[in-house]
Protein backbone atom coordinates (compact mmCIF):
# COMPACT_ATOMS: atom_id res chain seq x y z
CA MET A 1 5.17 6.65 37.48
CA ALA A 2 7.53 4.89 35.08
CA GLU A 3 5.22 1.88 35.00
CA HIS A 4 2.27 4.17 34.26
CA ASP A 5 4.15 5.84 31.39
CA ALA A 6 5.12 2.45 29.96
CA THR A 7 1.48 1.35 30.05
CA ILE A 8 0.44 4.50 28.20
CA GLU A 9 3.12 3.92 25.57
CA ARG A 10 2.03 0.29 25.08
CA ASP A 11 -1.62 1.33 24.74
CA ALA A 12 -0.73 4.07 22.26
CA GLU A 13 1.36 1.64 20.22
CA ARG A 14 -1.44 -0.94 20.22
CA ASP A 15 -4.02 1.68 19.16
CA ALA A 16 -1.76 2.94 16.40
CA THR A 17 -1.22 -0.59 15.12
CA THR A 18 -4.95 -1.30 15.19
CA GLU A 19 -5.67 1.95 13.35
CA ARG A 20 -3.15 1.10 10.63
CA ASP A 21 -4.59 -2.40 10.26
CA VAL A 22 -8.16 -1.12 10.00
CA GLU A 23 -7.14 1.54 7.49
CA ARG A 24 -5.23 -0.95 5.36
CA GLU A 25 -8.14 -3.39 5.24
CA ALA A 26 -10.57 -0.60 4.37
CA VAL A 27 -8.38 0.65 1.53
CA ALA A 28 -7.71 -2.85 0.23
CA GLY A 29 -11.44 -3.57 0.19
CA ARG A 30 -11.20 -6.87 2.04
CA ALA A 31 -14.49 -6.60 3.87
CA ALA A 32 -16.70 -9.56 2.94
CA SER A 33 -19.89 -7.51 2.89
CA PRO A 34 -20.87 -3.86 2.52
CA LYS A 35 -22.04 -1.54 5.22
CA GLY A 36 -25.31 -2.80 6.54
CA GLY A 37 -24.50 -6.46 5.91
CA GLY A 38 -26.24 -8.60 3.34
CA GLU A 39 -25.08 -11.17 0.83
CA ALA A 40 -21.38 -10.71 0.05
CA VAL A 41 -21.36 -11.98 -3.55
CA ALA A 42 -22.87 -9.52 -6.01
CA LEU A 43 -22.14 -11.07 -9.41
CA VAL A 44 -21.40 -14.69 -10.35
CA ALA A 45 -20.57 -16.29 -13.70
CA ARG A 46 -20.30 -20.05 -14.16
CA GLY A 47 -19.28 -21.71 -17.40
CA LEU A 48 -19.63 -18.40 -19.26
CA GLU A 49 -19.17 -18.75 -23.01
CA VAL A 50 -19.46 -16.26 -25.88
CA LYS A 51 -19.50 -17.09 -29.58
CA ARG A 52 -19.12 -14.76 -32.53
CA GLU A 53 -19.96 -15.96 -36.03
CA GLY A 54 -19.86 -19.52 -34.76
CA ARG A 55 -16.39 -19.13 -33.23
CA VAL A 56 -15.88 -19.44 -29.47
CA VAL A 57 -14.17 -16.25 -28.25
CA LEU A 58 -14.73 -16.76 -24.51
CA SER A 59 -14.90 -20.21 -22.97
CA ASN A 60 -15.76 -21.72 -19.59
CA VAL A 61 -15.13 -18.67 -17.40
CA ASP A 62 -16.02 -18.98 -13.71
CA VAL A 63 -15.79 -15.81 -11.66
CA SER A 64 -17.49 -14.14 -8.72
CA VAL A 65 -17.31 -10.52 -7.60
CA ARG A 66 -18.00 -9.57 -4.01
CA ARG A 67 -19.27 -6.33 -2.63
CA GLY A 68 -16.47 -4.19 -1.35
CA GLU A 69 -13.82 -5.41 -3.79
CA LEU A 70 -12.16 -4.47 -7.03
CA LEU A 71 -11.48 -7.37 -9.40
CA ALA A 72 -8.91 -6.55 -12.09
CA VAL A 73 -9.06 -8.41 -15.41
CA LEU A 74 -5.67 -8.82 -17.08
CA GLY A 75 -4.53 -10.39 -20.32
CA PRO A 76 -2.63 -9.57 -23.51
CA ASN A 77 -4.35 -7.88 -26.42
CA GLY A 78 -7.05 -10.12 -27.86
CA ALA A 79 -7.32 -12.22 -24.70
CA GLY A 80 -11.06 -11.53 -24.38
CA LYS A 81 -11.12 -8.90 -21.64
CA SER A 82 -13.68 -6.60 -23.29
CA THR A 83 -15.79 -9.58 -24.33
CA LEU A 84 -15.86 -10.87 -20.75
CA LEU A 85 -16.84 -7.48 -19.32
CA ARG A 86 -19.65 -6.96 -21.81
CA ALA A 87 -20.94 -10.46 -21.16
CA LEU A 88 -20.86 -9.89 -17.38
CA ALA A 89 -22.87 -6.70 -17.87
CA GLY A 90 -25.45 -8.55 -19.96
CA LEU A 91 -24.55 -6.64 -23.13
CA LEU A 92 -23.50 -9.68 -25.18
CA PRO A 93 -25.36 -12.93 -25.84
CA SER A 94 -23.73 -15.69 -23.85
CA THR A 95 -24.31 -19.17 -22.49
CA GLY A 96 -23.63 -20.42 -19.02
CA GLU A 97 -24.91 -19.00 -15.76
CA LEU A 98 -24.95 -15.33 -14.81
CA VAL A 99 -26.37 -14.36 -11.41
CA LEU A 100 -26.74 -10.79 -10.17
CA ASP A 101 -27.72 -10.33 -6.54
CA GLY A 102 -29.17 -13.83 -6.40
CA ARG A 103 -31.21 -13.52 -9.60
CA ALA A 104 -30.43 -14.85 -13.06
CA LEU A 105 -29.29 -11.82 -15.04
CA ARG A 106 -31.27 -12.92 -18.08
CA THR A 107 -34.54 -12.75 -16.12
CA LEU A 108 -34.12 -9.06 -15.30
CA THR A 109 -35.87 -6.40 -17.31
CA ASP A 110 -33.74 -3.74 -18.98
CA VAL A 111 -34.73 -1.26 -16.28
CA GLU A 112 -33.90 -3.68 -13.45
CA ARG A 113 -30.53 -4.44 -14.98
CA ALA A 114 -29.75 -0.75 -15.53
CA ARG A 115 -30.48 -0.04 -11.88
CA SER A 116 -28.23 -2.86 -10.71
CA ILE A 117 -25.22 -2.91 -13.01
CA ALA A 118 -23.48 -0.11 -14.91
CA PHE A 119 -20.98 -0.48 -17.74
CA VAL A 120 -18.24 2.00 -18.65
CA PRO A 121 -16.80 1.37 -22.15
CA GLN A 122 -13.29 2.20 -23.32
CA ARG A 123 -14.63 4.71 -25.80
CA SER A 124 -18.01 6.25 -26.44
CA GLY A 125 -19.77 5.96 -29.77
CA LEU A 126 -21.81 9.06 -28.99
CA VAL A 127 -21.79 11.52 -31.90
CA SER A 128 -24.67 13.85 -30.94
CA PRO A 129 -23.46 17.12 -29.37
CA PHE A 130 -25.08 16.59 -25.96
CA ALA A 131 -23.61 18.58 -23.11
CA ALA A 132 -21.53 16.52 -20.68
CA ALA A 133 -24.19 17.01 -17.99
CA GLU A 134 -26.85 15.69 -20.38
CA VAL A 135 -24.77 12.56 -20.98
CA VAL A 136 -24.48 12.01 -17.22
CA ALA A 137 -28.23 12.54 -16.84
CA GLN A 138 -28.75 9.52 -19.11
CA GLY A 139 -27.64 7.44 -16.15
CA ARG A 140 -30.79 8.48 -14.31
CA TYR A 141 -33.25 7.18 -16.93
CA ALA A 142 -33.79 3.87 -15.13
CA ARG A 143 -34.44 5.83 -11.92
CA GLY A 144 -37.20 7.91 -13.48
CA GLY A 145 -35.00 10.52 -15.12
CA ALA A 146 -33.33 13.68 -13.89
CA SER A 147 -32.44 17.14 -15.11
CA PRO A 148 -28.84 17.75 -16.20
CA ARG A 149 -28.78 20.33 -13.42
CA SER A 150 -30.07 17.92 -10.77
CA GLU A 151 -28.16 17.21 -7.58
CA GLU A 152 -27.50 13.61 -8.64
CA VAL A 153 -25.87 14.73 -11.90
CA ARG A 154 -23.84 17.51 -10.28
CA ALA A 155 -22.62 15.14 -7.57
CA ALA A 156 -21.54 12.51 -10.12
CA LEU A 157 -19.65 15.09 -12.19
CA ALA A 158 -17.95 16.49 -9.10
CA ARG A 159 -16.86 13.06 -7.92
CA VAL A 160 -14.93 12.39 -11.14
CA GLY A 161 -13.56 15.94 -11.34
CA ALA A 162 -15.60 16.88 -14.40
CA SER A 163 -17.70 19.78 -13.09
CA ALA A 164 -15.67 22.34 -15.05
CA PHE A 165 -16.86 21.04 -18.41
CA ALA A 166 -20.43 20.09 -17.49
CA GLU A 167 -21.89 22.47 -20.09
CA ARG A 168 -19.45 21.66 -22.88
CA ALA A 169 -20.50 19.43 -25.78
CA PHE A 170 -19.39 15.88 -25.11
CA THR A 171 -18.00 15.54 -28.64
CA THR A 172 -15.63 18.49 -28.09
CA LEU A 173 -14.01 16.94 -25.02
CA SER A 174 -10.71 15.12 -25.09
CA VAL A 175 -10.78 11.33 -24.90
CA GLY A 176 -9.70 11.49 -21.27
CA GLU A 177 -12.40 14.03 -20.40
CA GLN A 178 -15.00 11.91 -22.15
CA GLN A 179 -13.92 8.90 -20.10
CA ARG A 180 -14.50 10.82 -16.88
CA VAL A 181 -17.98 11.81 -18.08
CA LEU A 182 -18.79 8.18 -18.90
CA LEU A 183 -17.70 7.18 -15.40
CA ALA A 184 -19.90 9.93 -13.95
CA ARG A 185 -22.83 8.56 -15.97
CA ALA A 186 -22.25 5.14 -14.41
CA LEU A 187 -22.14 6.66 -10.93
CA ALA A 188 -25.40 8.48 -11.60
CA THR A 189 -27.19 5.15 -12.01
CA ASP A 190 -26.57 4.32 -8.31
CA ALA A 191 -25.83 0.77 -9.47
CA LYS A 192 -24.06 -1.40 -6.92
CA VAL A 193 -22.06 -3.28 -9.57
CA LEU A 194 -19.74 -1.37 -11.89
CA VAL A 195 -18.05 -2.97 -14.90
CA LEU A 196 -15.30 -0.85 -16.45
CA ASP A 197 -13.31 -1.51 -19.62
CA GLU A 198 -9.82 -0.04 -19.07
CA PRO A 199 -11.15 3.11 -17.37
CA THR A 200 -7.73 4.75 -17.05
CA ALA A 201 -6.34 3.98 -20.52
CA PRO A 202 -6.93 7.48 -22.00
CA LEU A 203 -6.12 9.39 -18.79
CA ASP A 204 -2.96 11.23 -17.83
CA VAL A 205 -0.96 10.03 -14.83
CA GLY A 206 -2.66 12.29 -12.29
CA GLN A 207 -6.18 11.51 -13.46
CA ALA A 208 -5.43 7.79 -13.63
CA LEU A 209 -4.32 7.79 -10.00
CA ALA A 210 -7.38 9.84 -9.05
CA THR A 211 -9.60 7.32 -10.83
CA PHE A 212 -8.05 4.36 -9.03
CA ALA A 213 -8.47 6.19 -5.72
CA LEU A 214 -12.13 6.76 -6.64
CA LEU A 215 -12.61 3.07 -7.50
CA ARG A 216 -11.12 2.12 -4.15
CA SER A 217 -13.50 4.48 -2.35
CA LEU A 218 -16.46 3.04 -4.26
CA ALA A 219 -15.42 -0.44 -3.19
CA ALA A 220 -15.10 0.77 0.41
CA GLU A 221 -18.72 1.94 0.17
CA GLY A 222 -19.78 -1.62 -0.64
CA ARG A 223 -19.93 -1.62 -4.43
CA ALA A 224 -18.58 -4.49 -6.50
CA LEU A 225 -16.23 -3.47 -9.28
CA VAL A 226 -14.78 -5.36 -12.25
CA ALA A 227 -12.25 -3.50 -14.37
CA ALA A 228 -10.03 -4.45 -17.27
CA VAL A 229 -6.61 -3.10 -16.32
CA HIS A 230 -3.75 -2.60 -18.72
CA GLY A 231 -0.93 -1.91 -16.26
CA LEU A 232 0.44 -4.85 -14.29
CA ASP A 233 1.69 -2.48 -11.60
CA ASP A 234 -1.79 -0.97 -11.29
CA ALA A 235 -3.29 -4.43 -10.79
CA ARG A 236 -0.79 -5.24 -8.04
CA ARG A 237 -1.23 -1.90 -6.34
CA PHE A 238 -4.97 -1.29 -6.46
CA ALA A 239 -6.84 -4.56 -7.04
CA ASP A 240 -8.08 -7.00 -4.41
CA ARG A 241 -8.12 -9.94 -6.81
CA VAL A 242 -6.90 -10.53 -10.34
CA LEU A 243 -8.38 -12.64 -13.13
CA VAL A 244 -6.07 -13.38 -16.07
CA LEU A 245 -7.35 -14.32 -19.52
CA GLU A 246 -5.47 -15.85 -22.43
CA ASN A 247 -7.09 -16.68 -25.76
CA GLY A 248 -10.56 -16.39 -24.23
CA ARG A 249 -9.86 -18.76 -21.35
CA MET A 250 -9.04 -18.27 -17.69
CA ARG A 251 -5.32 -18.58 -17.10
CA ALA A 252 -5.21 -17.66 -13.39
CA GLU A 253 -7.23 -16.06 -10.61
CA GLY A 254 -6.26 -14.96 -7.11
CA VAL A 255 -4.66 -12.22 -5.04
CA PRO A 256 -2.42 -9.83 -7.02
CA HIS A 257 0.97 -10.57 -5.47
CA GLU A 258 0.54 -14.29 -6.17
CA VAL A 259 -0.94 -14.05 -9.67
CA VAL A 260 1.03 -11.12 -11.09
CA ALA A 261 4.37 -12.88 -10.68
CA ASP A 262 7.11 -14.34 -12.86
CA PRO A 263 5.61 -17.82 -13.41
CA LEU A 264 2.72 -16.14 -15.25
CA LEU A 265 4.36 -12.99 -16.62
CA ARG A 266 7.22 -14.63 -18.48
CA PRO A 267 5.19 -16.93 -20.77
CA LEU A 268 2.17 -14.62 -21.09
CA TYR A 269 3.75 -11.21 -21.59
CA GLY A 270 7.43 -11.99 -22.09
CA VAL A 271 8.40 -9.83 -19.10
CA SER A 272 9.79 -10.46 -15.63
CA LEU A 273 8.98 -8.80 -12.34
CA ARG A 274 11.71 -6.91 -10.51
CA GLU A 275 11.21 -6.89 -6.76
CA ASP A 276 13.75 -4.16 -6.02
CA ALA A 277 12.53 -0.76 -4.83
CA ALA A 278 11.52 1.20 -7.92
CA PRO A 279 10.34 4.83 -8.21
CA ARG A 280 6.57 5.33 -8.11
CA PHE A 281 4.21 8.25 -8.38
CA ASP A 282 1.42 9.43 -6.08
CA ARG A 283 -0.94 12.35 -6.51
CA VAL A 284 0.21 15.23 -4.32
CA GLY A 285 -1.76 15.22 -1.08
CA ASP A 286 -3.83 12.23 -2.18
CA ASP A 287 -3.72 9.93 0.84
CA ALA A 288 -6.11 7.44 -0.75
CA SER A 289 -3.89 6.69 -3.75
CA GLU A 290 -0.80 6.59 -1.53
CA ARG A 291 -2.32 4.12 0.93
CA ALA A 292 -3.89 1.93 -1.74
CA GLY A 293 -0.50 0.53 -2.70
CA ASP A 294 0.75 -0.19 0.82
CA ASP A 295 -0.16 -3.88 0.84
CA ALA A 296 1.64 -4.73 -2.39
CA ARG A 297 4.70 -2.75 -1.33
CA ASP A 298 4.80 -4.32 2.14
CA GLU A 299 4.39 -7.80 0.63
CA SER A 300 7.38 -7.20 -1.67
CA SER A 301 9.43 -5.95 1.26
CA LEU A 302 8.60 -9.04 3.32
CA ARG A 303 9.59 -11.35 0.49
CA ARG A 304 12.92 -9.53 0.04
CA THR A 305 13.59 -9.81 3.77
CA ASP A 306 12.83 -13.53 3.69
CA ARG A 307 15.18 -14.07 0.79
CA GLU A 308 17.96 -12.07 2.43
CA GLY A 309 17.50 -13.97 5.70
CA SER A 310 17.79 -17.32 3.98
CA ALA A 311 20.83 -16.33 1.90
């Protein structure tokens, strides 16, 4: 009987460990390919260069974005983050190679590109008093159009928590509310690649965490996401990989806990990383945002243990 009980306990412990591992990998977006298989790499840039008025503002950038991952783009102000994102989305003239789902981005028609890749800017230049739902419906143009009251539009608004102001004029919304509508418009396109320029910058703490949880769930569904991120802690907690720019050039690229570390932070930002346990915030009852930071926290804990053991 005792042997039987011990076997049950071992099996339960093994199952629990497996469940935690599977959950952690799903949240971290480490799967090489989306559900249903297929080519893992969604977007590739090689030797990407952008010039403005004859001046090189982005030079020799090589980057790839896989389905199922969130790539965070970091860098000080003026590093070229917005320029890189707009170039990746095909919204700026550039040289070098850009490949989207195995095809040269420059060979796609505007409709083909709009169906495949969606861009979310920091701010909207929209000045016409369209209702928020009408703005989201713009994301369906490349799919043949849709009514602002269509299921696709309602679903996109609901997913970003913007249903309550669907009928309000976009220009009357706060900057944070507008940002959520712009994200809903991108979701309405059904594009498998999303490029976002600091999507949480105008949001309050709760909405920012909700947005990162949403980005993680989109990655888990097999989408490829590239986002300029302002907060170093956000990059460590939510991103799968980090690309760092400085003066329009790549400074570093890799997994967050290796890239967002003192050797880079001190010269680039003039800050140092403290590895001690610091307070953090999670949305109440939001398991997704709580779990999304587990890897970074566990990694820090392991490094502290190693240091203490060698002391």
